[in-house]
Each structure stands twice: as C-alpha cells, then as structure tokens.
C-alpha cells in the first residue's frame, strides 16, 4: 500500500481502489485486550476450587454475574496455564 503511494504517487483513495481494499481497513488500529478483570476473577475461583475444570469455573463465573463469553474466558484460562 505505501509502496503504491510513494513510488507511484497515488493518493490513499487511489491505492485502496487499485488493491480492492476499503479505506477503513487501511486505517484500522487493533484494540489492546484488557483481560485483567477476567484474570482476577479466575484466580479467585481457582483459589477456592482448585480441582474444577474450565466449564465448572466458567459456569461459576456466570452465576457470579459476569457476562464474558466462553471463548474469551478459555483464552485467558489457557494463557494462565490452568488447563488440566
């Protein structure tokens, strides 16, 4: 993309059109994930229920009122090295 803009002196609109790319894709900035709340909630549950697996911990989180989906909780669960 920048190659087209620098070498061929194209605007962002022209470069995006030539690559069949939306301008919003060019300007997209990835949002950092803040999982500190999930980590603390999982640590609290693991301290109390160390032998429970992922699904029991996930359902306990739901009963406590957290609305995180299972994919996010499992990603953090694996990152913490809790998977048995």
N, C-alpha and C. Protein backbone atom coordinates (compact mmCIF):
# COMPACT_ATOMS: atom_id res chain seq x y z
N UNK A 1 0.83 -1.18 0.00
CA UNK A 1 0.00 0.00 0.00
C UNK A 1 0.88 1.25 0.00
N UNK A 2 1.79 1.35 0.95
CA UNK A 2 2.65 2.51 0.99
C UNK A 2 3.59 2.55 -0.23
N UNK A 3 3.89 1.37 -0.76
CA UNK A 3 4.71 1.30 -1.97
C UNK A 3 3.99 2.02 -3.12
N UNK A 4 2.71 1.78 -3.28
CA UNK A 4 1.94 2.46 -4.33
C UNK A 4 1.89 3.96 -4.09
N UNK A 5 1.73 4.36 -2.84
CA UNK A 5 1.60 5.77 -2.52
C UNK A 5 2.92 6.52 -2.73
N UNK A 6 4.04 5.87 -2.41
CA UNK A 6 5.33 6.54 -2.52
C UNK A 6 5.87 6.49 -3.95
N UNK A 7 5.95 5.28 -4.51
CA UNK A 7 6.58 5.13 -5.82
C UNK A 7 5.73 5.68 -6.96
N UNK A 8 4.42 5.46 -6.90
CA UNK A 8 3.56 5.89 -7.99
C UNK A 8 2.80 7.16 -7.67
N UNK A 9 3.06 7.72 -6.50
CA UNK A 9 2.44 8.98 -6.06
C UNK A 9 0.92 8.93 -6.17
N UNK A 10 0.35 7.86 -5.63
CA UNK A 10 -1.10 7.72 -5.60
C UNK A 10 -1.63 8.18 -4.26
N UNK A 11 -2.86 8.65 -4.27
CA UNK A 11 -3.50 9.01 -3.01
C UNK A 11 -3.96 7.74 -2.31
N UNK A 12 -4.39 7.89 -1.08
CA UNK A 12 -4.88 6.73 -0.34
C UNK A 12 -6.11 6.14 -1.03
N UNK A 13 -6.98 7.02 -1.52
CA UNK A 13 -8.18 6.55 -2.23
C UNK A 13 -7.81 5.73 -3.47
N UNK A 14 -6.88 6.23 -4.25
CA UNK A 14 -6.48 5.54 -5.48
C UNK A 14 -5.78 4.22 -5.17
N UNK A 15 -4.92 4.22 -4.17
CA UNK A 15 -4.21 3.00 -3.80
C UNK A 15 -5.19 1.94 -3.29
N UNK A 16 -6.16 2.36 -2.49
CA UNK A 16 -7.15 1.41 -1.98
C UNK A 16 -8.01 0.86 -3.11
N UNK A 17 -8.39 1.70 -4.04
CA UNK A 17 -9.19 1.24 -5.18
C UNK A 17 -8.41 0.25 -6.04
N UNK A 18 -7.12 0.50 -6.24
CA UNK A 18 -6.33 -0.40 -7.09
C UNK A 18 -6.12 -1.76 -6.42
N UNK A 19 -6.15 -1.80 -5.08
CA UNK A 19 -5.96 -3.06 -4.37
C UNK A 19 -7.28 -3.70 -3.93
N UNK A 20 -8.40 -3.10 -4.30
CA UNK A 20 -9.72 -3.56 -3.87
C UNK A 20 -9.77 -3.66 -2.34
N UNK A 21 -9.36 -2.58 -1.68
CA UNK A 21 -9.27 -2.54 -0.24
C UNK A 21 -10.09 -1.36 0.27
N UNK A 22 -10.84 -1.56 1.33
CA UNK A 22 -11.59 -0.47 1.92
C UNK A 22 -10.65 0.45 2.68
N UNK A 23 -10.98 1.74 2.69
CA UNK A 23 -10.15 2.69 3.43
C UNK A 23 -10.19 2.41 4.92
N UNK A 24 -11.30 1.93 5.40
CA UNK A 24 -11.40 1.63 6.83
C UNK A 24 -10.43 0.52 7.22
N UNK A 25 -10.15 -0.41 6.31
CA UNK A 25 -9.18 -1.45 6.57
C UNK A 25 -7.78 -0.86 6.66
N UNK A 26 -7.50 0.12 5.82
CA UNK A 26 -6.19 0.77 5.84
C UNK A 26 -5.96 1.51 7.15
N UNK A 27 -6.99 2.15 7.67
CA UNK A 27 -6.86 2.96 8.89
C UNK A 27 -7.12 2.17 10.17
N UNK A 28 -7.42 0.89 10.07
CA UNK A 28 -7.78 0.10 11.24
C UNK A 28 -6.62 0.02 12.23
N UNK A 29 -6.92 0.24 13.50
CA UNK A 29 -5.95 0.08 14.58
C UNK A 29 -6.47 -0.99 15.53
N UNK A 30 -5.66 -1.96 15.83
CA UNK A 30 -6.06 -3.06 16.70
C UNK A 30 -6.21 -2.55 18.13
N UNK A 31 -7.29 -2.96 18.78
CA UNK A 31 -7.54 -2.55 20.16
C UNK A 31 -6.85 -3.53 21.10
N UNK A 32 -6.11 -3.02 22.08
CA UNK A 32 -5.48 -3.94 23.03
C UNK A 32 -6.53 -4.60 23.92
N UNK A 33 -6.30 -5.86 24.24
CA UNK A 33 -7.25 -6.60 25.07
C UNK A 33 -6.87 -6.41 26.54
N UNK A 34 -7.84 -5.99 27.34
CA UNK A 34 -7.62 -5.84 28.77
C UNK A 34 -8.36 -6.96 29.49
N UNK A 35 -7.62 -7.98 29.86
CA UNK A 35 -8.21 -9.15 30.49
C UNK A 35 -7.92 -9.21 31.98
N UNK A 36 -7.58 -8.09 32.57
CA UNK A 36 -7.21 -8.11 33.99
C UNK A 36 -8.40 -8.52 34.87
N UNK A 37 -9.60 -8.11 34.51
CA UNK A 37 -10.78 -8.48 35.30
C UNK A 37 -11.03 -9.99 35.22
N UNK A 38 -10.85 -10.56 34.04
CA UNK A 38 -11.05 -12.00 33.87
C UNK A 38 -9.98 -12.77 34.66
N UNK A 39 -8.75 -12.27 34.63
CA UNK A 39 -7.66 -12.93 35.34
C UNK A 39 -7.91 -12.94 36.84
N UNK A 40 -8.33 -11.80 37.40
CA UNK A 40 -8.56 -11.75 38.84
C UNK A 40 -9.74 -12.63 39.24
N UNK A 41 -10.80 -12.63 38.42
CA UNK A 41 -11.96 -13.47 38.73
C UNK A 41 -11.59 -14.95 38.68
N UNK A 42 -10.80 -15.34 37.68
CA UNK A 42 -10.38 -16.74 37.59
C UNK A 42 -9.45 -17.11 38.73
N UNK A 43 -8.55 -16.21 39.10
CA UNK A 43 -7.65 -16.50 40.22
C UNK A 43 -8.42 -16.70 41.52
N UNK A 44 -9.44 -15.86 41.75
CA UNK A 44 -10.26 -16.01 42.95
C UNK A 44 -10.97 -17.36 42.98
N UNK A 45 -11.51 -17.76 41.85
CA UNK A 45 -12.22 -19.04 41.79
C UNK A 45 -11.26 -20.22 41.92
N UNK A 46 -10.10 -20.13 41.31
CA UNK A 46 -9.14 -21.24 41.37
C UNK A 46 -8.60 -21.40 42.79
N UNK A 47 -8.46 -20.30 43.51
CA UNK A 47 -8.03 -20.41 44.90
C UNK A 47 -9.03 -21.20 45.74
N UNK A 48 -10.31 -20.98 45.47
CA UNK A 48 -11.36 -21.68 46.24
C UNK A 48 -11.62 -23.08 45.71
N UNK A 49 -11.62 -23.23 44.39
CA UNK A 49 -11.99 -24.51 43.75
C UNK A 49 -10.88 -24.94 42.78
N UNK A 50 -9.79 -25.41 43.34
CA UNK A 50 -8.61 -25.69 42.51
C UNK A 50 -8.77 -26.91 41.62
N UNK A 51 -9.67 -27.81 41.96
CA UNK A 51 -9.79 -29.04 41.18
C UNK A 51 -10.84 -28.96 40.08
N UNK A 52 -11.53 -27.86 39.99
CA UNK A 52 -12.56 -27.71 38.96
C UNK A 52 -11.92 -27.44 37.61
N UNK A 53 -12.55 -27.94 36.57
CA UNK A 53 -12.08 -27.70 35.22
C UNK A 53 -12.66 -26.41 34.67
N UNK A 54 -12.43 -26.21 33.38
CA UNK A 54 -12.83 -24.95 32.74
C UNK A 54 -14.32 -24.72 32.82
N UNK A 55 -15.12 -25.71 32.43
CA UNK A 55 -16.56 -25.47 32.32
C UNK A 55 -17.20 -25.20 33.67
N UNK A 56 -16.75 -25.88 34.71
CA UNK A 56 -17.28 -25.58 36.04
C UNK A 56 -16.91 -24.17 36.48
N UNK A 57 -15.68 -23.77 36.20
CA UNK A 57 -15.27 -22.42 36.54
C UNK A 57 -16.04 -21.39 35.72
N UNK A 58 -16.25 -21.69 34.45
CA UNK A 58 -16.99 -20.77 33.59
C UNK A 58 -18.42 -20.59 34.09
N UNK A 59 -19.07 -21.70 34.47
CA UNK A 59 -20.45 -21.59 34.96
C UNK A 59 -20.50 -20.88 36.31
N UNK A 60 -19.47 -21.04 37.12
CA UNK A 60 -19.40 -20.30 38.39
C UNK A 60 -19.27 -18.80 38.12
N UNK A 61 -18.47 -18.44 37.10
CA UNK A 61 -18.36 -17.03 36.73
C UNK A 61 -19.71 -16.48 36.28
N UNK A 62 -20.45 -17.27 35.52
CA UNK A 62 -21.77 -16.84 35.08
C UNK A 62 -22.72 -16.65 36.25
N UNK A 63 -22.66 -17.55 37.23
CA UNK A 63 -23.51 -17.43 38.40
C UNK A 63 -23.16 -16.20 39.23
N UNK A 64 -21.89 -15.80 39.16
CA UNK A 64 -21.46 -14.59 39.88
C UNK A 64 -21.86 -13.31 39.15
N UNK A 65 -22.38 -13.44 37.93
CA UNK A 65 -22.89 -12.29 37.21
C UNK A 65 -22.01 -11.74 36.11
N UNK A 66 -20.89 -12.40 35.82
CA UNK A 66 -20.02 -11.95 34.74
C UNK A 66 -20.59 -12.41 33.41
N UNK A 67 -20.46 -11.55 32.39
CA UNK A 67 -21.08 -11.88 31.10
C UNK A 67 -20.06 -12.16 30.00
N UNK A 68 -18.83 -12.50 30.38
CA UNK A 68 -17.82 -12.82 29.37
C UNK A 68 -18.20 -14.12 28.67
N UNK A 69 -17.92 -14.19 27.37
CA UNK A 69 -18.25 -15.43 26.65
C UNK A 69 -17.17 -16.48 26.89
N UNK A 70 -17.50 -17.72 26.57
CA UNK A 70 -16.61 -18.84 26.89
C UNK A 70 -15.30 -18.78 26.12
N UNK A 71 -15.31 -18.20 24.93
CA UNK A 71 -14.08 -18.14 24.13
C UNK A 71 -13.05 -17.23 24.78
N UNK A 72 -13.51 -16.09 25.29
CA UNK A 72 -12.60 -15.17 25.95
C UNK A 72 -12.06 -15.76 27.25
N UNK A 73 -12.94 -16.36 28.04
CA UNK A 73 -12.52 -16.94 29.31
C UNK A 73 -11.57 -18.10 29.06
N UNK A 74 -11.82 -18.92 28.05
CA UNK A 74 -10.95 -20.06 27.76
C UNK A 74 -9.58 -19.58 27.28
N UNK A 75 -9.54 -18.51 26.49
CA UNK A 75 -8.26 -17.97 26.03
C UNK A 75 -7.41 -17.53 27.22
N UNK A 76 -8.04 -16.85 28.18
CA UNK A 76 -7.32 -16.41 29.37
C UNK A 76 -6.95 -17.60 30.25
N UNK A 77 -7.85 -18.55 30.33
CA UNK A 77 -7.63 -19.77 31.12
C UNK A 77 -6.39 -20.50 30.62
N UNK A 78 -6.25 -20.65 29.31
CA UNK A 78 -5.07 -21.29 28.73
C UNK A 78 -3.82 -20.45 28.91
N UNK A 79 -3.96 -19.14 28.77
CA UNK A 79 -2.82 -18.24 28.91
C UNK A 79 -2.25 -18.31 30.33
N UNK A 80 -3.12 -18.52 31.32
CA UNK A 80 -2.69 -18.63 32.71
C UNK A 80 -2.11 -20.00 33.03
N UNK A 81 -2.26 -20.94 32.11
CA UNK A 81 -1.72 -22.29 32.31
C UNK A 81 -2.57 -23.13 33.24
N UNK A 82 -3.87 -22.86 33.30
CA UNK A 82 -4.75 -23.59 34.19
C UNK A 82 -5.35 -24.85 33.57
N UNK A 83 -5.18 -24.99 32.24
CA UNK A 83 -5.79 -26.16 31.59
C UNK A 83 -5.12 -27.44 32.09
N UNK A 84 -5.97 -28.40 32.42
CA UNK A 84 -5.52 -29.64 33.05
C UNK A 84 -5.17 -30.64 31.96
